[in-house]
N, C-alpha and C. Protein backbone atom coordinates (compact mmCIF):
# COMPACT_ATOMS: atom_id res chain seq x y z
N MET A 1 1.18 -0.77 -2.98
CA MET A 1 1.01 -1.64 -2.50
C MET A 1 0.81 -1.42 -0.92
N THR A 2 -0.44 -1.46 0.20
CA THR A 2 -0.41 -0.90 1.32
C THR A 2 -1.04 -1.99 2.37
N PRO A 3 -1.03 -2.43 3.56
CA PRO A 3 -1.90 -3.59 4.47
C PRO A 3 -3.14 -3.72 4.19
N VAL A 4 -3.70 -2.21 3.48
CA VAL A 4 -4.96 -2.70 3.14
C VAL A 4 -5.44 -3.17 1.63
N GLY A 5 -4.14 -3.24 0.62
CA GLY A 5 -4.32 -3.73 -0.66
C GLY A 5 -3.71 -2.44 -1.71
N LYS A 6 -4.14 -2.59 -3.12
CA LYS A 6 -3.09 -1.87 -3.78
C LYS A 6 -4.43 -0.25 -4.26
N LEU A 7 -3.65 0.78 -3.59
CA LEU A 7 -4.40 2.29 -4.12
C LEU A 7 -3.93 2.68 -5.44
N ASN A 8 -4.87 2.58 -6.00
CA ASN A 8 -4.56 3.05 -7.13
C ASN A 8 -4.65 5.27 -7.08
N LEU A 9 -3.47 6.12 -7.26
CA LEU A 9 -4.85 6.35 -6.88
C LEU A 9 -4.25 7.74 -9.09
N LYS A 10 -5.02 8.95 -9.51
CA LYS A 10 -4.79 9.40 -10.37
C LYS A 10 -4.05 11.24 -9.39
N LEU A 11 -3.22 11.26 -9.53
CA LEU A 11 -2.97 12.73 -9.22
C LEU A 11 -2.19 13.69 -10.35
N HIS A 12 -3.01 15.20 -9.85
CA HIS A 12 -3.20 15.71 -10.90
C HIS A 12 -1.96 16.64 -10.30
N ARG A 13 -0.48 16.67 -11.54
CA ARG A 13 -0.36 18.17 -11.35
C ARG A 13 -0.48 20.12 -11.57
N VAL A 14 -0.01 20.63 -10.69
CA VAL A 14 -0.08 21.56 -10.81
C VAL A 14 0.86 22.69 -10.57
N LYS A 15 1.19 23.92 -11.75
CA LYS A 15 1.72 24.93 -12.12
C LYS A 15 1.74 26.21 -11.30
N ASP A 16 3.11 26.46 -10.56
CA ASP A 16 2.46 27.43 -9.40
C ASP A 16 2.96 28.74 -10.69
N LYS A 17 2.32 29.66 -11.51
CA LYS A 17 2.31 30.23 -12.20
C LYS A 17 3.67 31.95 -11.37
N GLU A 18 3.79 32.01 -10.10
CA GLU A 18 5.01 32.61 -9.06
C GLU A 18 6.68 32.43 -9.08
N GLU A 19 5.98 30.73 -8.87
CA GLU A 19 7.18 30.25 -9.29
C GLU A 19 7.83 29.32 -10.37
N GLU A 20 6.79 29.03 -11.10
CA GLU A 20 8.00 28.65 -12.77
C GLU A 20 7.21 27.26 -11.96
N LYS A 21 6.81 26.77 -11.09
CA LYS A 21 7.05 25.16 -10.44
C LYS A 21 5.91 24.21 -10.86
N ILE A 22 6.41 22.84 -10.78
CA ILE A 22 5.32 21.79 -11.66
C ILE A 22 4.75 20.60 -9.79
N PHE A 23 4.31 21.15 -9.11
CA PHE A 23 3.70 20.03 -8.11
C PHE A 23 2.55 19.17 -8.28
N LEU A 24 2.68 17.95 -7.22
CA LEU A 24 1.17 17.74 -6.60
C LEU A 24 1.33 18.07 -5.57
N LEU A 25 -0.55 18.34 -5.45
CA LEU A 25 -0.86 19.49 -4.37
C LEU A 25 -0.90 18.13 -2.80
N VAL A 26 -1.30 16.43 -3.47
CA VAL A 26 -1.07 16.00 -1.74
C VAL A 26 0.04 15.27 -1.59
N GLU A 27 1.22 15.53 -2.82
CA GLU A 27 2.36 14.68 -2.56
C GLU A 27 3.43 15.59 -0.71
N ASP A 28 2.88 16.53 -0.26
CA ASP A 28 3.86 15.79 0.87
C ASP A 28 2.75 15.36 2.06
N ARG A 29 1.30 15.00 2.27
CA ARG A 29 0.45 14.83 2.43
C ARG A 29 0.13 13.65 2.81
N ILE A 30 0.80 12.73 1.21
CA ILE A 30 1.36 10.96 1.67
C ILE A 30 2.73 10.68 1.41
N GLU A 31 3.13 9.44 2.18
CA GLU A 31 4.22 8.95 2.27
C GLU A 31 4.18 7.85 1.39
N SER A 32 5.10 7.90 0.82
CA SER A 32 5.50 7.04 0.05
C SER A 32 7.35 7.26 -0.85
N ASP A 33 7.46 5.70 -0.88
CA ASP A 33 8.75 5.25 -1.08
C ASP A 33 9.34 5.66 -2.85
N GLY A 34 8.32 6.89 -3.17
CA GLY A 34 8.71 6.70 -5.23
C GLY A 34 8.77 5.67 -5.61
N LYS A 35 9.27 5.21 -6.37
CA LYS A 35 8.69 4.29 -7.22
C LYS A 35 8.72 2.71 -6.55
N LYS A 36 8.82 2.37 -6.12
CA LYS A 36 8.60 1.15 -5.36
C LYS A 36 6.99 0.92 -4.82
N ILE A 37 7.21 0.08 -5.54
CA ILE A 37 5.70 -0.90 -5.49
C ILE A 37 4.52 -0.48 -3.98
N TYR A 38 5.77 -1.48 -3.04
CA TYR A 38 5.44 -2.22 -1.41
C TYR A 38 6.03 -0.69 -0.41
N GLN A 39 4.70 -0.23 0.04
CA GLN A 39 4.86 0.63 0.56
C GLN A 39 6.24 -0.48 2.42
N GLU A 40 6.72 1.22 3.51
CA GLU A 40 7.62 0.57 4.01
C GLU A 40 6.43 -0.29 5.13
N ASP A 41 5.65 -0.02 5.40
CA ASP A 41 5.19 -1.38 6.39
C ASP A 41 5.17 -2.59 5.85
N ILE A 42 4.61 -3.07 4.37
CA ILE A 42 4.30 -4.09 4.34
C ILE A 42 6.05 -4.38 3.84
N SER A 43 7.25 -3.87 3.91
CA SER A 43 8.19 -4.16 3.39
C SER A 43 9.19 -4.78 4.86
N VAL A 44 8.07 -4.31 5.63
CA VAL A 44 9.09 -4.32 7.17
C VAL A 44 8.94 -5.47 7.79
N ILE A 45 6.98 -5.98 7.33
CA ILE A 45 6.19 -7.21 8.01
C ILE A 45 6.70 -7.98 7.16
N SER A 46 7.58 -8.37 5.44
CA SER A 46 7.52 -9.19 4.75
C SER A 46 9.12 -9.50 5.90
N ALA A 47 10.12 -8.49 6.40
CA ALA A 47 11.59 -8.61 6.54
C ALA A 47 11.52 -9.40 7.76
N GLU A 48 10.50 -8.69 8.45
CA GLU A 48 10.16 -9.68 10.48
C GLU A 48 9.57 -11.36 10.05
N LEU A 49 9.01 -11.06 8.95
CA LEU A 49 8.89 -12.91 8.91
C LEU A 49 9.46 -13.71 8.11
N ALA A 50 10.67 -12.93 7.15
CA ALA A 50 11.16 -13.83 7.04
C ALA A 50 12.69 -14.18 8.37
N THR A 51 13.10 -13.14 8.87
CA THR A 51 13.43 -14.06 10.00
C THR A 51 12.88 -14.83 11.14
N LYS A 52 11.93 -14.95 10.64
CA LYS A 52 12.22 -16.54 11.37
C LYS A 52 11.36 -17.69 10.75
N MET A 53 11.18 -17.66 8.68
CA MET A 53 10.98 -18.76 8.77
C MET A 53 11.49 -18.37 7.08
N THR A 54 11.22 -19.56 6.40
CA THR A 54 12.18 -19.01 4.51
C THR A 54 11.41 -18.06 4.10
N TYR A 55 12.12 -17.19 3.09
CA TYR A 55 11.69 -16.53 2.67
C TYR A 55 10.21 -17.02 1.12
N ARG A 56 9.77 -18.15 1.07
CA ARG A 56 9.43 -18.44 0.85
C ARG A 56 8.21 -19.22 1.37
N ASP A 57 8.56 -19.02 2.71
CA ASP A 57 6.91 -19.65 3.68
C ASP A 57 6.75 -18.41 4.57
N ALA A 58 7.67 -17.18 4.48
CA ALA A 58 7.39 -15.72 4.66
C ALA A 58 5.81 -15.33 3.45
N VAL A 59 6.56 -15.32 2.34
CA VAL A 59 5.91 -14.83 1.47
C VAL A 59 3.66 -15.56 1.99
N LYS A 60 4.05 -16.92 1.99
CA LYS A 60 2.55 -18.31 2.00
C LYS A 60 1.98 -17.13 3.22
N GLU A 61 2.68 -17.40 4.34
CA GLU A 61 2.42 -17.02 5.08
C GLU A 61 1.78 -14.96 5.20
N GLY A 62 2.67 -14.00 4.06
CA GLY A 62 2.05 -13.35 4.11
C GLY A 62 1.09 -12.91 3.17
N LYS A 63 0.93 -13.58 2.15
CA LYS A 63 0.03 -13.46 1.46
C LYS A 63 -1.77 -13.52 1.97
N GLN A 64 -1.90 -14.40 3.38
CA GLN A 64 -2.94 -14.46 4.30
C GLN A 64 -3.33 -13.35 4.54
N PHE A 65 -2.42 -12.63 4.18
CA PHE A 65 -3.26 -11.27 5.21
C PHE A 65 -3.04 -9.84 4.06
N VAL A 66 -2.22 -9.91 3.76
CA VAL A 66 -2.58 -9.26 2.25
C VAL A 66 -2.26 -10.16 0.79
N LYS A 67 -3.05 -9.70 0.04
CA LYS A 67 -3.69 -10.39 -1.08
C LYS A 67 -2.01 -10.11 -2.31
N ASP A 68 -1.74 -9.28 -2.74
CA ASP A 68 -0.42 -8.98 -3.31
C ASP A 68 0.63 -9.32 -2.29
N PHE A 69 1.51 -10.08 -1.34
CA PHE A 69 2.75 -10.06 -0.67
C PHE A 69 4.23 -9.86 -1.60
N PRO A 70 4.85 -9.59 -1.21
CA PRO A 70 6.24 -8.64 -2.12
C PRO A 70 6.79 -10.20 -2.38
N SER A 71 7.18 -10.73 -3.48
CA SER A 71 7.80 -11.79 -3.35
C SER A 71 8.91 -11.82 -3.03
N THR A 72 9.83 -13.08 -2.66
CA THR A 72 11.25 -13.96 -1.90
C THR A 72 12.42 -12.61 -2.53
N CYS A 73 12.21 -12.59 -3.84
CA CYS A 73 13.45 -12.16 -4.55
C CYS A 73 13.05 -10.16 -3.15
N THR A 74 12.21 -9.94 -3.66
CA THR A 74 11.21 -8.25 -2.80
C THR A 74 12.21 -8.57 -1.96
N ILE A 75 11.30 -9.51 -0.80
CA ILE A 75 11.71 -9.79 0.39
C ILE A 75 13.66 -9.58 0.72
N ASN A 76 13.85 -10.18 0.10
CA ASN A 76 15.47 -10.87 0.09
C ASN A 76 15.91 -9.64 -0.19
N ARG A 77 15.98 -8.46 -0.90
CA ARG A 77 16.64 -6.86 -1.31
C ARG A 77 16.13 -6.55 0.33
N ARG A 78 14.64 -6.43 0.12
CA ARG A 78 14.06 -5.50 1.38
C ARG A 78 15.37 -5.45 2.86
N VAL A 79 15.37 -7.03 3.21
CA VAL A 79 16.27 -7.55 3.83
C VAL A 79 18.03 -6.61 4.08
N LYS A 80 17.90 -7.37 2.93
CA LYS A 80 19.60 -6.86 2.17
C LYS A 80 19.38 -5.14 3.22
N GLY A 81 18.65 -4.60 2.07
CA GLY A 81 19.20 -3.29 2.27
C GLY A 81 18.42 -2.31 3.48
N GLU A 82 18.00 -3.24 4.41
CA GLU A 82 17.69 -3.56 5.94
C GLU A 82 18.80 -3.02 7.18
N ARG A 83 19.31 -4.18 6.08
CA ARG A 83 21.08 -4.66 7.56
C ARG A 83 21.85 -3.33 6.67
N SER A 84 21.85 -3.30 5.87
CA SER A 84 22.49 -2.20 6.01
C SER A 84 22.28 -0.96 6.05
N PHE A 85 20.84 -0.58 6.30
CA PHE A 85 20.29 0.39 6.87
C PHE A 85 21.03 0.91 8.29
N GLN A 86 20.80 -0.05 9.23
CA GLN A 86 21.05 -0.99 10.40
C GLN A 86 22.56 -0.30 10.95
N LEU A 87 23.91 -1.41 9.52
CA LEU A 87 24.88 -1.31 9.48
C LEU A 87 25.25 -0.10 10.13
N ASP A 88 24.82 1.24 8.61
CA ASP A 88 24.83 2.32 8.65
C ASP A 88 24.36 3.20 9.99
N LEU A 89 23.55 2.89 10.35
CA LEU A 89 23.72 3.63 12.23
C LEU A 89 23.73 2.75 13.25
N ILE A 90 24.89 1.83 13.38
CA ILE A 90 26.04 1.87 13.69
C ILE A 90 26.57 1.70 14.05
N HIS A 91 27.03 2.17 12.66
CA HIS A 91 28.35 2.90 12.74
C HIS A 91 28.11 3.87 13.23
N LEU A 92 27.48 4.65 12.54
CA LEU A 92 27.51 6.50 12.91
C LEU A 92 27.04 6.29 14.22
N LEU A 93 26.73 5.58 14.45
CA LEU A 93 26.49 6.40 16.44
C LEU A 93 27.98 5.25 17.40
N ARG A 94 28.13 4.57 16.26
CA ARG A 94 29.51 4.38 17.57
C ARG A 94 30.67 5.58 17.26
N ASP A 95 30.57 6.11 16.03
CA ASP A 95 31.78 7.35 15.30
C ASP A 95 31.32 9.06 16.47
N THR A 96 29.84 8.38 16.90
CA THR A 96 28.98 9.56 17.72
C THR A 96 29.48 9.10 18.63
N SER A 97 29.13 8.39 19.27
CA SER A 97 29.63 8.00 20.52
C SER A 97 31.13 7.85 21.26
N PHE A 98 31.93 7.54 19.91
CA PHE A 98 32.92 8.30 20.33
C PHE A 98 34.13 9.57 20.92
N LYS A 99 33.40 10.32 20.32
CA LYS A 99 33.87 11.54 19.41
C LYS A 99 33.16 12.54 20.89
N LEU A 100 32.10 11.43 20.99
CA LEU A 100 31.89 12.37 22.71
C LEU A 100 32.55 12.43 24.40
N CYS A 101 33.20 11.43 23.70
CA CYS A 101 33.80 10.73 24.88
C CYS A 101 34.93 11.52 24.66
N ARG A 102 35.91 11.64 23.51
CA ARG A 102 36.69 11.75 23.60
C ARG A 102 36.66 13.69 23.99
N MET A 103 35.39 14.67 23.91
CA MET A 103 35.28 15.72 24.38
C MET A 103 34.63 15.57 25.59
N GLU A 104 34.31 15.04 26.25
CA GLU A 104 34.07 15.13 27.13
C GLU A 104 35.48 14.82 28.60
N LYS A 105 36.67 14.22 27.63
CA LYS A 105 37.96 14.25 28.50
C LYS A 105 38.37 15.35 28.49
């Protein structure tokens, strides 16, 4: 699911005879979250709306812009996932800055 709606792509696999590898020609040119239905931009919008209103209201608001908007459960999972990522990043930055401060002394 993208901001412009659902995209159905038929991708052809190609076999490299020299390296014996099978790959998709456009795989490196298309940003995709793999098996996730909603792409990152839709997920960010839904999580952002959820910070300002209830999940149910966020879905109603989002459906005004995108016909197939994530459900309340999906928004909840994405918010938890983003929070986990942010906390990991904060801990990494703290550890890195602490190590840098110790090195400077």
